[in-house]
Amino acid sequence: MNPEIHPEYKTIKVTCSCGSVFETRSTLGQELQIEVCSECHPFFTGKQKLVDTAGRVEKFKNKYGAPKNEPEAAKAEEK
């Protein structure tokens, strides 16, 4: 990299809210505080919360009503 046009690429210390500390390289040039890292993120720890999609569908149907039975309505229009 050309030193005249590119910022310096330095080693910095990154501290997570869980207490994990690691070093990486960045152009930031100062220490970095983060909220979530690979040590505490649910995707990496396997403690991922699963969303009950069936419950959401039932809630939607209860709120807006189930659709009418389409084949019976089509038969009635044909007659």
C-alpha atoms as a PDB file:
ATOM      1  CA  MET A   1       0.000   0.000   0.000  1.00  0.00           C
ATOM      2  CA  ASN A   2       1.173   3.500  -0.739  1.00  0.00           C
ATOM      3  CA  PRO A   3       1.837   5.279   2.600  1.00  0.00           C
ATOM      4  CA  GLU A   4       0.940   8.652   1.131  1.00  0.00           C
ATOM      5  CA  ILE A   5      -2.678   7.801   0.271  1.00  0.00           C
ATOM      6  CA  HIS A   6      -3.595   4.850   2.521  1.00  0.00           C
ATOM      7  CA  PRO A   7      -4.092   4.975   6.310  1.00  0.00           C
ATOM      8  CA  GLU A   8      -1.818   2.962   8.608  1.00  0.00           C
ATOM      9  CA  TYR A   9      -2.864  -0.638   9.208  1.00  0.00           C
ATOM     10  CA  LYS A  10      -2.163  -1.300  12.911  1.00  0.00           C
ATOM     11  CA  THR A  11      -2.778  -4.067  15.420  1.00  0.00           C
ATOM     12  CA  ILE A  12      -5.588  -3.106  17.842  1.00  0.00           C
ATOM     13  CA  LYS A  13      -7.160  -4.734  20.896  1.00  0.00           C
ATOM     14  CA  VAL A  14     -10.886  -5.557  20.682  1.00  0.00           C
ATOM     15  CA  THR A  15     -12.851  -6.017  23.928  1.00  0.00           C
ATOM     16  CA  CYS A  16     -16.323  -7.581  23.978  1.00  0.00           C
ATOM     17  CA  SER A  17     -19.008  -6.920  26.584  1.00  0.00           C
ATOM     18  CA  CYS A  18     -18.751 -10.597  27.596  1.00  0.00           C
ATOM     19  CA  GLY A  19     -15.115 -10.002  28.605  1.00  0.00           C
ATOM     20  CA  SER A  20     -13.448 -11.671  25.649  1.00  0.00           C
ATOM     21  CA  VAL A  21     -10.356  -9.824  24.379  1.00  0.00           C
ATOM     22  CA  PHE A  22      -8.570 -10.432  21.082  1.00  0.00           C
ATOM     23  CA  GLU A  23      -6.242  -8.616  18.725  1.00  0.00           C
ATOM     24  CA  THR A  24      -6.866  -7.811  15.096  1.00  0.00           C
ATOM     25  CA  ARG A  25      -5.553  -5.388  12.520  1.00  0.00           C
ATOM     26  CA  SER A  26      -7.405  -2.238  11.563  1.00  0.00           C
ATOM     27  CA  THR A  27      -7.025   1.275  10.230  1.00  0.00           C
ATOM     28  CA  LEU A  28      -8.973   2.545  13.263  1.00  0.00           C
ATOM     29  CA  GLY A  29      -5.776   2.973  15.265  1.00  0.00           C
ATOM     30  CA  GLN A  30      -7.364   2.722  18.731  1.00  0.00           C
ATOM     31  CA  GLU A  31      -8.923   0.091  21.019  1.00  0.00           C
ATOM     32  CA  LEU A  32     -12.407  -1.066  20.083  1.00  0.00           C
ATOM     33  CA  GLN A  33     -15.342  -1.977  22.358  1.00  0.00           C
ATOM     34  CA  ILE A  34     -17.977  -4.322  20.875  1.00  0.00           C
ATOM     35  CA  GLU A  35     -21.220  -5.796  22.213  1.00  0.00           C
ATOM     36  CA  VAL A  36     -21.187  -9.260  20.619  1.00  0.00           C
ATOM     37  CA  CYS A  37     -18.304 -11.471  19.489  1.00  0.00           C
ATOM     38  CA  SER A  38     -17.924 -15.054  18.291  1.00  0.00           C
ATOM     39  CA  GLU A  39     -17.550 -16.211  21.912  1.00  0.00           C
ATOM     40  CA  CYS A  40     -21.001 -14.975  22.981  1.00  0.00           C
ATOM     41  CA  HIS A  41     -23.074 -14.714  19.764  1.00  0.00           C
ATOM     42  CA  PRO A  42     -25.959 -17.252  19.746  1.00  0.00           C
ATOM     43  CA  PHE A  43     -25.133 -18.475  16.237  1.00  0.00           C
ATOM     44  CA  PHE A  44     -21.612 -19.526  17.234  1.00  0.00           C
ATOM     45  CA  THR A  45     -22.467 -20.815  20.730  1.00  0.00           C
ATOM     46  CA  GLY A  46     -25.350 -23.032  19.570  1.00  0.00           C
ATOM     47  CA  LYS A  47     -27.822 -21.402  21.957  1.00  0.00           C
ATOM     48  CA  GLN A  48     -29.925 -20.076  19.114  1.00  0.00           C
ATOM     49  CA  LYS A  49     -33.564 -19.314  19.853  1.00  0.00           C
ATOM     50  CA  LEU A  50     -35.946 -20.976  17.384  1.00  0.00           C
ATOM     51  CA  VAL A  51     -39.020 -19.049  16.270  1.00  0.00           C
ATOM     52  CA  ASP A  52     -42.343 -20.863  16.296  1.00  0.00           C
ATOM     53  CA  THR A  53     -43.606 -20.051  12.808  1.00  0.00           C
ATOM     54  CA  ALA A  54     -46.688 -22.249  13.150  1.00  0.00           C
ATOM     55  CA  GLY A  55     -47.816 -20.133  16.080  1.00  0.00           C
ATOM     56  CA  ARG A  56     -47.448 -17.000  13.964  1.00  0.00           C
ATOM     57  CA  VAL A  57     -49.557 -18.479  11.178  1.00  0.00           C
ATOM     58  CA  GLU A  58     -52.304 -19.415  13.629  1.00  0.00           C
ATOM     59  CA  LYS A  59     -52.218 -15.922  15.126  1.00  0.00           C
ATOM     60  CA  PHE A  60     -52.554 -14.420  11.631  1.00  0.00           C
ATOM     61  CA  LYS A  61     -55.473 -16.714  10.772  1.00  0.00           C
ATOM     62  CA  ASN A  62     -57.239 -15.865  14.035  1.00  0.00           C
ATOM     63  CA  LYS A  63     -56.753 -12.142  13.493  1.00  0.00           C
ATOM     64  CA  TYR A  64     -57.712 -11.928   9.806  1.00  0.00           C
ATOM     65  CA  GLY A  65     -59.764 -15.083   9.389  1.00  0.00           C
ATOM     66  CA  ALA A  66     -59.051 -18.178   7.346  1.00  0.00           C
ATOM     67  CA  PRO A  67     -59.675 -17.827   3.595  1.00  0.00           C
ATOM     68  CA  LYS A  68     -62.986 -19.118   2.251  1.00  0.00           C
ATOM     69  CA  ASN A  69     -63.014 -22.547   0.667  1.00  0.00           C
ATOM     70  CA  GLU A  70     -62.157 -21.568  -2.917  1.00  0.00           C
ATOM     71  CA  PRO A  71     -63.401 -24.670  -4.826  1.00  0.00           C
ATOM     72  CA  GLU A  72     -66.916 -24.445  -3.390  1.00  0.00           C
ATOM     73  CA  ALA A  73     -67.147 -20.734  -4.225  1.00  0.00           C
ATOM     74  CA  ALA A  74     -65.995 -21.410  -7.784  1.00  0.00           C
ATOM     75  CA  LYS A  75     -68.639 -24.136  -8.221  1.00  0.00           C
ATOM     76  CA  ALA A  76     -71.389 -21.824  -7.019  1.00  0.00           C
ATOM     77  CA  GLU A  77     -70.369 -19.139  -9.545  1.00  0.00           C
ATOM     78  CA  GLU A  78     -70.425 -21.647 -12.432  1.00  0.00           C
ATOM     79  CA  LYS A  79     -74.077 -22.559 -11.846  1.00  0.00           C
END
